[in-house]
C-alpha atoms as a PDB file:
ATOM      1  CA  MET A   1      28.917 138.429  13.333  1.00  0.00           C
ATOM      2  CA  LEU A   2      28.092 134.996  14.688  1.00  0.00           C
ATOM      3  CA  THR A   3      31.100 132.686  14.774  1.00  0.00           C
ATOM      4  CA  ILE A   4      31.473 128.939  15.199  1.00  0.00           C
ATOM      5  CA  ALA A   5      32.769 129.587  18.723  1.00  0.00           C
ATOM      6  CA  ASP A   6      29.553 131.529  19.456  1.00  0.00           C
ATOM      7  CA  LEU A   7      27.466 128.592  18.190  1.00  0.00           C
ATOM      8  CA  LYS A   8      29.352 126.167  20.404  1.00  0.00           C
ATOM      9  CA  GLU A   9      29.021 128.386  23.474  1.00  0.00           C
ATOM     10  CA  GLY A  10      25.321 129.053  22.841  1.00  0.00           C
ATOM     11  CA  LEU A  11      24.590 125.353  22.418  1.00  0.00           C
ATOM     12  CA  ALA A  12      26.446 124.522  25.611  1.00  0.00           C
ATOM     13  CA  GLU A  13      24.453 127.096  27.584  1.00  0.00           C
ATOM     14  CA  THR A  14      21.068 126.297  26.031  1.00  0.00           C
ATOM     15  CA  ALA A  15      21.342 122.512  26.163  1.00  0.00           C
ATOM     16  CA  GLY A  16      23.153 122.401  29.493  1.00  0.00           C
ATOM     17  CA  MET A  17      26.115 120.446  28.143  1.00  0.00           C
ATOM     18  CA  THR A  18      29.844 120.919  28.365  1.00  0.00           C
ATOM     19  CA  LYS A  19      31.537 123.215  25.881  1.00  0.00           C
ATOM     20  CA  LYS A  20      33.552 120.245  24.624  1.00  0.00           C
ATOM     21  CA  LYS A  21      30.425 118.194  23.884  1.00  0.00           C
ATOM     22  CA  ALA A  22      28.688 121.204  22.321  1.00  0.00           C
ATOM     23  CA  GLY A  23      31.763 121.781  20.157  1.00  0.00           C
ATOM     24  CA  GLU A  24      31.658 118.187  18.955  1.00  0.00           C
ATOM     25  CA  CYS A  25      27.975 118.555  18.043  1.00  0.00           C
ATOM     26  CA  VAL A  26      28.497 121.788  16.101  1.00  0.00           C
ATOM     27  CA  ASP A  27      31.537 120.325  14.323  1.00  0.00           C
ATOM     28  CA  LEU A  28      29.510 117.237  13.381  1.00  0.00           C
ATOM     29  CA  ILE A  29      26.659 119.313  11.944  1.00  0.00           C
ATOM     30  CA  LEU A  30      28.929 121.655   9.999  1.00  0.00           C
ATOM     31  CA  GLY A  31      30.993 118.710   8.767  1.00  0.00           C
ATOM     32  CA  SER A  32      27.831 117.012   7.504  1.00  0.00           C
ATOM     33  CA  ILE A  33      26.801 120.160   5.641  1.00  0.00           C
ATOM     34  CA  GLU A  34      30.249 120.504   4.083  1.00  0.00           C
ATOM     35  CA  HIS A  35      30.323 116.816   3.118  1.00  0.00           C
ATOM     36  CA  ALA A  36      26.919 117.047   1.403  1.00  0.00           C
ATOM     37  CA  ILE A  37      27.989 120.090  -0.610  1.00  0.00           C
ATOM     38  CA  VAL A  38      31.324 118.554  -1.631  1.00  0.00           C
ATOM     39  CA  LYS A  39      29.542 115.340  -2.730  1.00  0.00           C
ATOM     40  CA  GLU A  40      27.245 117.612  -4.763  1.00  0.00           C
ATOM     41  CA  ASP A  41      24.139 116.391  -2.926  1.00  0.00           C
ATOM     42  CA  GLY A  42      23.221 119.899  -1.832  1.00  0.00           C
ATOM     43  CA  VAL A  43      21.830 121.089   1.478  1.00  0.00           C
ATOM     44  CA  MET A  44      18.458 122.547   2.411  1.00  0.00           C
ATOM     45  CA  ILE A  45      17.881 123.875   5.893  1.00  0.00           C
ATOM     46  CA  GLN A  46      14.218 124.831   6.020  1.00  0.00           C
ATOM     47  CA  GLY A  47      13.678 128.458   6.953  1.00  0.00           C
ATOM     48  CA  LEU A  48      17.337 129.440   6.450  1.00  0.00           C
ATOM     49  CA  PHE A  49      18.974 128.540   3.153  1.00  0.00           C
ATOM     50  CA  SER A  50      19.755 125.987   0.491  1.00  0.00           C
ATOM     51  CA  ALA A  51      23.157 125.378  -1.071  1.00  0.00           C
ATOM     52  CA  GLN A  52      24.175 123.271  -4.026  1.00  0.00           C
ATOM     53  CA  VAL A  53      26.999 122.859  -6.504  1.00  0.00           C
ATOM     54  CA  MET A  54      26.324 124.376  -9.912  1.00  0.00           C
ATOM     55  CA  ALA A  55      28.296 123.715 -13.087  1.00  0.00           C
ATOM     56  CA  THR A  56      29.574 126.746 -14.971  1.00  0.00           C
ATOM     57  CA  LYS A  57      30.155 126.747 -18.727  1.00  0.00           C
ATOM     58  CA  ALA A  58      33.433 127.697 -20.351  1.00  0.00           C
ATOM     59  CA  ARG A  59      33.385 131.329 -21.429  1.00  0.00           C
ATOM     60  CA  LYS A  60      35.448 134.231 -22.691  1.00  0.00           C
ATOM     61  CA  GLY A  61      36.729 136.835 -20.262  1.00  0.00           C
ATOM     62  CA  VAL A  62      39.054 139.801 -19.987  1.00  0.00           C
ATOM     63  CA  ASN A  63      42.117 140.053 -17.770  1.00  0.00           C
ATOM     64  CA  PRO A  64      41.426 143.275 -15.819  1.00  0.00           C
ATOM     65  CA  SER A  65      45.110 144.098 -15.336  1.00  0.00           C
ATOM     66  CA  ASN A  66      46.026 144.211 -19.020  1.00  0.00           C
ATOM     67  CA  GLY A  67      42.764 143.961 -20.988  1.00  0.00           C
ATOM     68  CA  GLU A  68      43.849 140.726 -22.691  1.00  0.00           C
ATOM     69  CA  LYS A  69      41.055 138.367 -23.735  1.00  0.00           C
ATOM     70  CA  ILE A  70      41.228 134.985 -22.003  1.00  0.00           C
ATOM     71  CA  ASP A  71      39.369 131.681 -22.030  1.00  0.00           C
ATOM     72  CA  ILE A  72      37.791 130.801 -18.685  1.00  0.00           C
ATOM     73  CA  PRO A  73      37.388 127.010 -18.383  1.00  0.00           C
ATOM     74  CA  ALA A  74      34.210 125.270 -17.248  1.00  0.00           C
ATOM     75  CA  GLY A  75      34.073 124.685 -13.518  1.00  0.00           C
ATOM     76  CA  LYS A  76      31.890 124.435 -10.461  1.00  0.00           C
ATOM     77  CA  ARG A  77      30.655 126.906  -7.881  1.00  0.00           C
ATOM     78  CA  VAL A  78      28.538 126.770  -4.767  1.00  0.00           C
ATOM     79  CA  ALA A  79      25.205 128.559  -5.099  1.00  0.00           C
ATOM     80  CA  VAL A  80      23.504 129.614  -1.868  1.00  0.00           C
ATOM     81  CA  LYS A  81      19.898 130.757  -1.822  1.00  0.00           C
ATOM     82  CA  VAL A  82      18.402 132.366   1.261  1.00  0.00           C
ATOM     83  CA  SER A  83      14.875 131.224   2.138  1.00  0.00           C
ATOM     84  CA  SER A  84      11.983 133.592   1.620  1.00  0.00           C
ATOM     85  CA  ALA A  85      11.027 133.199   5.295  1.00  0.00           C
ATOM     86  CA  LEU A  86      14.426 134.511   6.375  1.00  0.00           C
ATOM     87  CA  LYS A  87      14.252 137.335   3.830  1.00  0.00           C
ATOM     88  CA  LYS A  88      10.903 138.392   5.317  1.00  0.00           C
ATOM     89  CA  LYS A  89      12.334 138.369   8.846  1.00  0.00           C
ATOM     90  CA  VAL A  90      15.290 140.500   7.791  1.00  0.00           C
ATOM     91  CA  LYS A  91      13.027 143.045   6.079  1.00  0.00           C
ATOM     92  CA  ALA A  92      10.704 143.320   9.090  1.00  0.00           C
END
């Protein structure tokens, strides 16, 4: 599994920069993505994925531990959709 540390190291090697500078760049990019999602602007990285905040409606549910019916309040969730180009590459 690719980690943030792997991204930083790979950027440092590929771009010929220090690991510290590469780390700052990766942190800046990931921070920008997080900020856009939290602000509910959404993110689209062509060829990889899109992510956006979706509102969920209030609904009825069941507590799995005791079977009691409960009310689940409305809320928000992050929806991530993988691009079709990436799906094709994975299937190949």
